[in-house]
Amino acid sequence: MSKKSSLRNTITLFLSAFLYLLFNLRLGADLAVSMKATGWQLVSTAPYIVGAALVIISFLQYVIISFLQYMADGEKLPWDRRLRIFFGLGIFAGLLMAIYEYGGVTG
């Protein structure tokens, strides 16, 4: 892997982590309330996101394994791609939760 490609992969990984935190950010009256609400959002959605990411990664590795291993020169899915799947699902879930919460849906 070239140095330029490695740097690009690192930058995109950190960018997806930043977007994951941004989409799960919950604003409050002050910084402490915002941090608490954001932490609670991350803790309450993380198990679902981890589960969904594991299901998707398992599906990718075992159902389409021959194609993926062919594309990755016979290697399993790298850890940074697994994190990108996790962050992508987290961004989507954070967006849906924000729409639900800020939309004033009462149950």
Protein backbone atom coordinates (compact mmCIF):
# COMPACT_ATOMS: atom_id res chain seq x y z
CA MET A 1 0.00 0.00 0.00
CA SER A 2 1.38 3.37 -0.94
CA LYS A 3 1.96 6.14 1.56
CA LYS A 4 -0.60 8.37 -0.17
CA SER A 5 -3.26 5.65 -0.05
CA SER A 6 -2.52 4.94 3.60
CA LEU A 7 -2.83 8.62 4.49
CA ARG A 8 -6.10 8.87 2.57
CA ASN A 9 -7.49 5.82 4.38
CA THR A 10 -6.52 7.28 7.76
CA ILE A 11 -8.09 10.64 6.96
CA THR A 12 -11.35 9.08 5.76
CA LEU A 13 -11.49 6.83 8.83
CA PHE A 14 -11.14 9.80 11.18
CA LEU A 15 -13.64 11.79 9.10
CA SER A 16 -16.22 9.02 9.40
CA ALA A 17 -15.58 8.84 13.18
CA PHE A 18 -16.10 12.61 13.41
CA LEU A 19 -19.34 12.40 11.42
CA TYR A 20 -20.50 9.55 13.67
CA LEU A 21 -20.02 11.76 16.73
CA LEU A 22 -21.57 14.76 14.98
CA PHE A 23 -24.71 12.88 13.97
CA ASN A 24 -25.09 11.55 17.52
CA LEU A 25 -24.51 14.95 19.13
CA ARG A 26 -27.36 16.01 21.38
CA LEU A 27 -27.51 19.64 22.39
CA GLY A 28 -28.58 20.82 25.83
CA ALA A 29 -28.73 23.99 27.85
CA ASP A 30 -25.01 23.93 28.60
CA LEU A 31 -21.90 21.88 27.82
CA ALA A 32 -22.41 19.42 30.69
CA VAL A 33 -25.98 18.64 29.65
CA SER A 34 -24.90 18.28 26.02
CA MET A 35 -22.05 15.92 26.96
CA LYS A 36 -24.37 13.84 29.14
CA ALA A 37 -27.07 13.63 26.46
CA THR A 38 -24.53 12.79 23.75
CA GLY A 39 -22.91 10.13 25.95
CA TRP A 40 -26.32 8.62 26.71
CA GLN A 41 -27.15 8.63 22.98
CA LEU A 42 -23.91 6.82 22.14
CA VAL A 43 -24.31 4.29 24.96
CA SER A 44 -27.95 3.56 24.17
CA THR A 45 -27.50 3.09 20.42
CA ALA A 46 -24.06 1.43 20.37
CA PRO A 47 -25.30 -2.13 21.11
CA TYR A 48 -27.72 -1.96 18.18
CA ILE A 49 -25.13 -0.49 15.86
CA VAL A 50 -22.52 -3.08 16.89
CA GLY A 51 -25.04 -5.87 16.34
CA ALA A 52 -26.07 -4.57 12.93
CA ALA A 53 -22.43 -4.07 11.94
CA LEU A 54 -21.57 -7.63 13.00
CA VAL A 55 -24.49 -9.02 11.01
CA ILE A 56 -23.51 -7.04 7.94
CA ILE A 57 -19.83 -7.93 8.28
CA SER A 58 -20.70 -11.61 8.78
CA PHE A 59 -22.93 -11.48 5.73
CA LEU A 60 -20.17 -9.87 3.71
CA GLN A 61 -17.56 -12.35 4.89
CA TYR A 62 -19.49 -15.61 4.67
CA VAL A 63 -22.09 -15.17 1.96
CA ILE A 64 -20.00 -13.17 -0.49
CA ILE A 65 -16.63 -14.37 0.82
CA SER A 66 -15.28 -15.62 -2.47
CA PHE A 67 -15.88 -12.29 -4.20
CA LEU A 68 -14.52 -10.19 -1.33
CA GLN A 69 -11.45 -12.35 -0.86
CA TYR A 70 -10.81 -12.17 -4.58
CA MET A 71 -11.06 -8.37 -4.42
CA ALA A 72 -8.87 -8.18 -1.28
CA ASP A 73 -6.20 -10.61 -2.52
CA GLY A 74 -7.47 -13.45 -0.32
CA GLU A 75 -7.60 -11.48 2.94
CA LYS A 76 -10.52 -10.97 5.31
CA LEU A 77 -12.21 -7.61 5.67
CA PRO A 78 -9.66 -5.21 7.28
CA TRP A 79 -10.41 -3.64 10.67
CA ASP A 80 -10.64 -0.12 9.24
CA ARG A 81 -13.36 -1.19 6.82
CA ARG A 82 -15.22 -2.82 9.71
CA LEU A 83 -15.03 0.48 11.60
CA ARG A 84 -16.29 2.34 8.54
CA ILE A 85 -19.32 0.03 8.40
CA PHE A 86 -19.91 0.67 12.12
CA PHE A 87 -19.58 4.44 11.68
CA GLY A 88 -21.84 4.42 8.62
CA LEU A 89 -24.57 2.57 10.48
CA GLY A 90 -24.08 4.87 13.47
CA ILE A 91 -24.43 7.97 11.31
CA PHE A 92 -27.65 6.62 9.83
CA ALA A 93 -29.05 5.65 13.24
CA GLY A 94 -28.05 9.01 14.73
CA LEU A 95 -29.81 10.80 11.90
CA LEU A 96 -32.99 8.78 12.39
CA MET A 97 -32.92 9.28 16.16
CA ALA A 98 -32.39 13.05 15.73
CA ILE A 99 -35.32 13.29 13.34
CA TYR A 100 -37.44 11.35 15.81
CA GLU A 101 -36.36 13.39 18.84
CA TYR A 102 -36.31 16.85 17.29
CA GLY A 103 -39.44 16.26 15.28
CA GLY A 104 -41.49 16.26 18.45
CA VAL A 105 -42.88 12.77 18.05
CA THR A 106 -44.86 11.81 21.11
CA GLY A 107 -45.60 8.22 21.90
